[in-house]
């Protein structure tokens, strides 16, 4: 080991060019979805790929894509696969679940009816969820083949209390997501309903499955984070988790008058969102502090890269 340069114990291999291009595409697509579903949620029934009758449903999906946009942007700033492995696998699971839901409810998309803009959005949605899931899978497989080590030592081990909290949140998210996803698989159902009797507002089957896909993906992210057990590698996951809760709070309070405040499920939902925000915030700060501790006050960005023979280091060339 070269004196003065710490070994990169968390290296999972570089983030490959194909992965970065996928993240760029994901950032662009999620930003477009945010504009149409969160910012313009009041007209989503006329401008989206399928008719979303409840504005809060459009806002939820838009808020989830806003968190996805944050995931893509923060991931693009990372250089090591181990730092974005959990988020990319999570995105892969979400895209496959959403692709399956799209196929089941293909007849509900405005591919041949509706206004020209709706038809264009519907075809773009179908194209995206035919291509992106395959691209995500290819990226994960390729990155895994280039991993330099299977599992390095934890720089900032996850405390037991956080593991328990995250496991509880993941179990709740996973259970709710599975129920919504399965209950939304009813194809010939045209009237809005309260999916599975516990969701705080009415959902149509396709929207139920898309929301379920998001919740299942978050549960998977929680499980992968627990398995990884190293907060220093979970910056992207923690930031995404926190912003998901924040954006969902924005959506709820934006359409607060549409909700029944005497519904116990609503308050349970808000409690879960609060827990997500707090858990994500803690993980965010812990990951940031771990990165600061690892770099140290006297190490520059260039110094963190191990110098090779004949390559100039921060103090001049290193020769053999």
Protein backbone atom coordinates (compact mmCIF):
# COMPACT_ATOMS: atom_id res chain seq x y z
CA UNK A 1 0.00 0.00 0.00
CA UNK A 2 1.37 3.42 -0.95
CA UNK A 3 2.22 5.58 2.08
CA UNK A 4 -0.22 8.43 2.73
CA UNK A 5 -2.97 6.96 0.57
CA UNK A 6 -5.65 4.94 2.35
CA UNK A 7 -6.89 1.74 0.81
CA UNK A 8 -10.37 2.06 -0.71
CA UNK A 9 -12.02 -0.66 1.34
CA UNK A 10 -15.46 -0.15 -0.14
CA UNK A 11 -14.56 -0.45 -3.82
CA UNK A 12 -17.12 -2.39 -5.81
CA UNK A 13 -15.63 -1.44 -9.15
CA UNK A 14 -16.18 1.67 -11.24
CA UNK A 15 -19.58 2.86 -12.41
CA UNK A 16 -19.56 1.90 -16.08
CA UNK A 17 -20.54 4.22 -18.92
CA UNK A 18 -23.69 2.23 -19.72
CA UNK A 19 -24.86 2.64 -16.14
CA UNK A 20 -24.37 6.39 -16.33
CA UNK A 21 -26.33 6.62 -19.57
CA UNK A 22 -29.15 4.67 -17.96
CA UNK A 23 -29.15 7.08 -15.01
CA UNK A 24 -29.27 10.05 -17.37
CA UNK A 25 -32.27 8.54 -19.16
CA UNK A 26 -33.92 7.79 -15.84
CA UNK A 27 -33.37 11.38 -14.66
CA UNK A 28 -34.96 12.83 -17.81
CA UNK A 29 -37.94 10.46 -17.77
CA UNK A 30 -38.63 10.87 -14.05
CA UNK A 31 -38.45 14.66 -14.33
CA UNK A 32 -41.06 14.60 -17.11
CA UNK A 33 -43.27 12.39 -14.95
CA UNK A 34 -42.89 14.77 -12.01
CA UNK A 35 -44.07 17.71 -14.09
CA UNK A 36 -47.10 15.86 -15.42
CA UNK A 37 -48.14 14.00 -12.29
CA UNK A 38 -47.07 16.15 -9.34
CA UNK A 39 -47.01 19.67 -10.71
CA UNK A 40 -49.99 19.12 -13.05
CA UNK A 41 -51.81 16.51 -10.98
CA UNK A 42 -55.11 18.38 -11.30
CA UNK A 43 -55.19 17.68 -15.05
CA UNK A 44 -53.65 14.18 -14.99
CA UNK A 45 -57.06 12.74 -15.91
CA UNK A 46 -56.69 14.40 -19.32
CA UNK A 47 -52.94 14.47 -19.93
CA UNK A 48 -51.61 11.16 -18.64
CA UNK A 49 -51.18 7.74 -20.26
CA UNK A 50 -54.28 6.43 -18.50
CA UNK A 51 -57.14 8.18 -16.76
CA UNK A 52 -56.26 8.93 -13.13
CA UNK A 53 -59.50 10.01 -11.51
CA UNK A 54 -58.10 10.95 -8.11
CA UNK A 55 -55.69 13.89 -8.02
CA UNK A 56 -53.97 12.51 -4.93
CA UNK A 57 -53.12 9.32 -6.80
CA UNK A 58 -51.42 11.35 -9.53
CA UNK A 59 -49.60 13.37 -6.87
CA UNK A 60 -48.41 10.21 -5.09
CA UNK A 61 -46.97 8.71 -8.27
CA UNK A 62 -45.46 12.08 -9.22
CA UNK A 63 -43.89 12.43 -5.77
CA UNK A 64 -42.45 8.92 -6.07
CA UNK A 65 -40.90 9.83 -9.42
CA UNK A 66 -39.51 12.99 -7.81
CA UNK A 67 -37.63 10.75 -5.37
CA UNK A 68 -36.54 8.67 -8.38
CA UNK A 69 -35.18 11.83 -10.00
CA UNK A 70 -33.17 12.58 -6.85
CA UNK A 71 -31.88 9.00 -6.91
CA UNK A 72 -30.67 9.37 -10.49
CA UNK A 73 -28.98 12.75 -9.91
CA UNK A 74 -27.20 11.71 -6.71
CA UNK A 75 -26.16 8.38 -8.27
CA UNK A 76 -24.56 10.20 -11.18
CA UNK A 77 -22.21 11.87 -8.70
CA UNK A 78 -20.87 8.53 -7.46
CA UNK A 79 -17.87 6.70 -8.92
CA UNK A 80 -18.10 3.37 -7.15
CA UNK A 81 -20.65 0.68 -7.96
CA UNK A 82 -20.98 -0.31 -4.30
CA UNK A 83 -22.44 3.15 -3.58
CA UNK A 84 -25.29 2.83 -6.08
CA UNK A 85 -25.80 -0.95 -6.18
CA UNK A 86 -28.82 -0.95 -3.86
CA UNK A 87 -30.60 1.94 -5.67
CA UNK A 88 -30.06 0.44 -9.13
CA UNK A 89 -31.32 -2.99 -8.08
CA UNK A 90 -34.33 -1.26 -6.49
CA UNK A 91 -35.06 0.63 -9.69
CA UNK A 92 -34.74 -2.59 -11.66
CA UNK A 93 -37.35 -4.31 -9.48
CA UNK A 94 -39.72 -1.34 -9.79
CA UNK A 95 -39.47 -1.19 -13.58
CA UNK A 96 -40.18 -4.92 -13.96
CA UNK A 97 -43.20 -4.76 -11.64
CA UNK A 98 -44.52 -1.71 -13.48
CA UNK A 99 -43.94 -3.37 -16.86
CA UNK A 100 -46.03 -6.37 -15.75
CA UNK A 101 -48.80 -4.05 -14.51
CA UNK A 102 -48.71 -2.22 -17.84
CA UNK A 103 -49.17 -5.44 -19.79
CA UNK A 104 -52.08 -6.53 -17.55
CA UNK A 105 -53.87 -3.20 -17.99
CA UNK A 106 -52.77 -2.39 -21.52
CA UNK A 107 -56.41 -1.88 -22.51
CA UNK A 108 -56.67 1.00 -20.02
CA UNK A 109 -53.95 3.05 -21.72
CA UNK A 110 -54.99 5.77 -24.18
CA UNK A 111 -53.06 4.27 -27.05
CA UNK A 112 -55.88 4.54 -29.58
CA UNK A 113 -58.38 6.81 -27.87
CA UNK A 114 -58.24 10.16 -26.13
CA UNK A 115 -56.51 13.31 -27.29
CA UNK A 116 -53.34 13.26 -29.37
CA UNK A 117 -51.20 14.23 -26.38
CA UNK A 118 -52.65 11.41 -24.28
CA UNK A 119 -51.98 8.90 -27.05
CA UNK A 120 -48.37 10.10 -27.33
CA UNK A 121 -47.84 9.79 -23.57
CA UNK A 122 -49.38 6.31 -23.57
CA UNK A 123 -47.08 5.09 -26.33
CA UNK A 124 -44.05 6.63 -24.61
CA UNK A 125 -45.05 4.89 -21.35
CA UNK A 126 -45.29 1.52 -23.11
CA UNK A 127 -41.98 2.05 -24.93
CA UNK A 128 -40.21 3.05 -21.72
CA UNK A 129 -41.45 0.01 -19.79
CA UNK A 130 -40.55 -2.33 -22.61
CA UNK A 131 -36.98 -1.03 -22.84
CA UNK A 132 -35.95 0.26 -19.40
CA UNK A 133 -36.49 -3.00 -17.45
CA UNK A 134 -34.26 -4.89 -19.89
CA UNK A 135 -31.68 -2.10 -19.80
CA UNK A 136 -31.69 -2.12 -15.99
CA UNK A 137 -31.18 -5.88 -15.89
CA UNK A 138 -28.33 -5.67 -18.39
CA UNK A 139 -26.66 -2.90 -16.36
CA UNK A 140 -26.90 -4.85 -13.09
CA UNK A 141 -25.50 -8.03 -14.66
CA UNK A 142 -22.62 -6.16 -16.30
CA UNK A 143 -21.74 -4.21 -13.16
CA UNK A 144 -21.83 -7.35 -11.02
CA UNK A 145 -19.38 -9.02 -13.39
CA UNK A 146 -16.99 -6.09 -12.91
CA UNK A 147 -17.15 -6.01 -9.12
CA UNK A 148 -13.63 -5.96 -7.66
CA UNK A 149 -14.63 -7.52 -4.35
CA UNK A 150 -17.78 -9.28 -3.19
CA UNK A 151 -18.01 -7.78 0.26
CA UNK A 152 -15.65 -5.35 1.96
CA UNK A 153 -15.51 -4.48 5.64
CA UNK A 154 -18.16 -2.10 6.96
CA UNK A 155 -16.78 1.40 7.48
CA UNK A 156 -19.86 2.50 9.45
CA UNK A 157 -21.82 -0.57 10.63
CA UNK A 158 -25.58 -0.12 10.86
CA UNK A 159 -26.64 0.01 14.54
CA UNK A 160 -29.02 -2.67 15.77
CA UNK A 161 -31.81 -0.20 16.55
CA UNK A 162 -31.71 1.16 13.00
CA UNK A 163 -31.76 -2.37 11.60
CA UNK A 164 -34.90 -3.09 13.65
CA UNK A 165 -36.60 0.15 12.59
CA UNK A 166 -35.74 -0.35 8.93
CA UNK A 167 -36.90 -3.98 9.05
CA UNK A 168 -40.23 -2.88 10.52
CA UNK A 169 -40.72 -0.17 7.90
CA UNK A 170 -39.74 -2.57 5.14
CA UNK A 171 -42.21 -5.18 6.37
CA UNK A 172 -45.05 -2.65 6.43
CA UNK A 173 -44.15 -1.26 3.00
CA UNK A 174 -43.77 -4.74 1.54
CA UNK A 175 -47.05 -6.03 2.94
CA UNK A 176 -48.97 -2.95 1.76
CA UNK A 177 -47.27 -3.07 -1.62
CA UNK A 178 -48.07 -6.75 -2.21
CA UNK A 179 -51.73 -6.26 -1.23
CA UNK A 180 -52.09 -3.24 -3.52
CA UNK A 181 -50.28 -4.95 -6.38
CA UNK A 182 -52.29 -8.17 -6.14
CA UNK A 183 -55.63 -6.43 -5.59
CA UNK A 184 -54.96 -4.18 -8.59
CA UNK A 185 -54.54 -7.15 -10.90
CA UNK A 186 -58.30 -7.13 -11.60
CA UNK A 187 -58.48 -6.29 -15.28
CA UNK A 188 -62.17 -5.53 -15.91
CA UNK A 189 -62.79 -3.01 -13.19
CA UNK A 190 -63.78 0.51 -14.17
CA UNK A 191 -65.02 2.22 -11.02
CA UNK A 192 -62.69 3.71 -8.40
CA UNK A 193 -62.47 1.91 -5.09
CA UNK A 194 -60.50 1.83 -1.88
CA UNK A 195 -57.91 -0.84 -2.70
CA UNK A 196 -57.96 -3.65 -0.15
CA UNK A 197 -59.99 -1.47 2.21
CA UNK A 198 -57.00 0.19 3.89
CA UNK A 199 -55.59 2.77 1.46
CA UNK A 200 -56.53 6.34 2.51
CA UNK A 201 -58.02 7.26 -0.88
CA UNK A 202 -59.66 5.59 -3.86
CA UNK A 203 -57.51 3.80 -6.43
CA UNK A 204 -58.11 2.32 -9.85
CA UNK A 205 -56.48 -1.08 -10.55
CA UNK A 206 -53.55 0.14 -12.67
CA UNK A 207 -52.75 2.96 -10.25
CA UNK A 208 -53.02 0.48 -7.39
CA UNK A 209 -50.41 -1.74 -9.01
CA UNK A 210 -48.05 1.15 -9.80
CA UNK A 211 -48.24 2.40 -6.22
CA UNK A 212 -47.79 -1.18 -5.02
CA UNK A 213 -44.70 -1.47 -7.21
CA UNK A 214 -43.19 1.59 -5.55
CA UNK A 215 -43.86 0.24 -2.06
CA UNK A 216 -42.44 -3.20 -2.90
CA UNK A 217 -39.33 -1.55 -4.37
CA UNK A 218 -38.85 0.48 -1.18
CA UNK A 219 -39.24 -2.68 0.91
CA UNK A 220 -36.61 -4.37 -1.24
CA UNK A 221 -34.31 -1.37 -0.77
CA UNK A 222 -34.72 -1.65 3.02
CA UNK A 223 -33.87 -5.37 2.91
CA UNK A 224 -30.80 -4.78 0.73
CA UNK A 225 -29.64 -1.95 2.99
CA UNK A 226 -29.92 -4.20 6.04
CA UNK A 227 -28.04 -6.96 4.23
CA UNK A 228 -25.28 -4.54 3.23
CA UNK A 229 -25.14 -3.23 6.79
CA UNK A 230 -22.74 -0.38 6.03
CA UNK A 231 -24.09 3.16 6.33
CA UNK A 232 -21.07 4.55 4.48
CA UNK A 233 -22.37 2.88 1.30
CA UNK A 234 -25.98 3.97 1.65
CA UNK A 235 -25.89 7.70 0.91
CA UNK A 236 -27.93 7.43 -2.30
CA UNK A 237 -30.43 5.04 -0.71
CA UNK A 238 -30.85 7.23 2.38
CA UNK A 239 -31.29 10.44 0.38
CA UNK A 240 -33.87 8.77 -1.85
CA UNK A 241 -35.72 7.27 1.12
CA UNK A 242 -35.86 10.62 2.90
CA UNK A 243 -36.98 12.60 -0.15
CA UNK A 244 -39.65 10.00 -0.94
CA UNK A 245 -41.24 10.68 2.43
CA UNK A 246 -40.88 14.45 2.08
CA UNK A 247 -42.46 14.54 -1.39
CA UNK A 248 -45.31 12.31 -0.23
CA UNK A 249 -45.98 14.71 2.63
CA UNK A 250 -46.14 17.53 0.06
CA UNK A 251 -48.66 15.53 -1.98
CA UNK A 252 -50.83 14.77 1.05
CA UNK A 253 -50.94 18.33 2.35
CA UNK A 254 -51.50 19.66 -1.16
CA UNK A 255 -54.73 17.67 -1.35
CA UNK A 256 -55.50 17.53 2.37
CA UNK A 257 -59.14 18.70 1.92
CA UNK A 258 -59.84 15.58 -0.18
CA UNK A 259 -58.96 13.21 2.68
CA UNK A 260 -61.14 12.00 5.56
CA UNK A 261 -59.40 13.13 8.70
CA UNK A 262 -61.33 10.64 10.81
CA UNK A 263 -59.79 7.72 8.88
CA UNK A 264 -57.36 5.83 11.12
CA UNK A 265 -55.56 4.49 8.03
CA UNK A 266 -54.71 8.06 7.01
CA UNK A 267 -52.96 8.71 10.31
CA UNK A 268 -51.16 5.41 10.09
CA UNK A 269 -49.99 6.40 6.61
CA UNK A 270 -48.73 9.76 7.88
CA UNK A 271 -46.94 8.05 10.76
CA UNK A 272 -45.19 5.73 8.30
CA UNK A 273 -44.14 8.71 6.16
CA UNK A 274 -42.73 10.45 9.23
CA UNK A 275 -40.75 7.33 10.14
CA UNK A 276 -39.41 7.12 6.57
CA UNK A 277 -38.26 10.75 6.64
CA UNK A 278 -36.56 10.37 10.04
CA UNK A 279 -34.89 7.07 9.12
CA UNK A 280 -33.71 8.44 5.79
CA UNK A 281 -32.40 11.62 7.40
CA UNK A 282 -30.38 9.65 9.95
CA UNK A 283 -28.92 7.41 7.25
CA UNK A 284 -28.15 10.45 5.08
CA UNK A 285 -26.20 12.16 7.88
CA UNK A 286 -24.43 8.97 8.91
CA UNK A 287 -23.33 8.24 5.33
CA UNK A 288 -22.13 11.81 4.87
CA UNK A 289 -20.20 11.75 8.15
CA UNK A 290 -18.64 8.39 7.23
CA UNK A 291 -17.46 9.80 3.90
CA UNK A 292 -15.98 12.82 5.69
CA UNK A 293 -14.21 10.61 8.24
CA UNK A 294 -12.84 8.37 5.52
CA UNK A 295 -11.44 11.23 3.44
CA UNK A 296 -9.97 13.04 6.43
CA UNK A 297 -9.12 16.74 6.61
CA UNK A 298 -5.81 16.42 4.75
CA UNK A 299 -6.95 14.29 1.83
CA UNK A 300 -8.01 15.81 -1.43
CA UNK A 301 -10.16 14.13 -4.05
CA UNK A 302 -7.09 13.21 -6.07
CA UNK A 303 -5.35 11.84 -3.02
CA UNK A 304 -8.18 9.40 -2.45
CA UNK A 305 -7.32 7.65 -5.70
CA UNK A 306 -4.49 5.13 -5.28
CA UNK A 307 -1.57 6.26 -7.42
CA UNK A 308 0.01 3.74 -9.73
CA UNK A 309 3.68 3.34 -10.64
CA UNK A 310 4.79 6.19 -12.82
CA UNK A 311 1.62 8.20 -12.16
CA UNK A 312 2.04 11.59 -10.44
CA UNK A 313 0.56 11.71 -6.97
CA UNK A 314 -0.32 14.75 -4.91
CA UNK A 315 3.32 15.16 -3.88
CA UNK A 316 4.90 14.53 -7.26
CA UNK A 317 5.61 11.50 -9.43
CA UNK A 318 5.92 8.08 -7.86
CA UNK A 319 8.47 5.91 -9.55
CA UNK A 320 9.37 2.27 -9.20
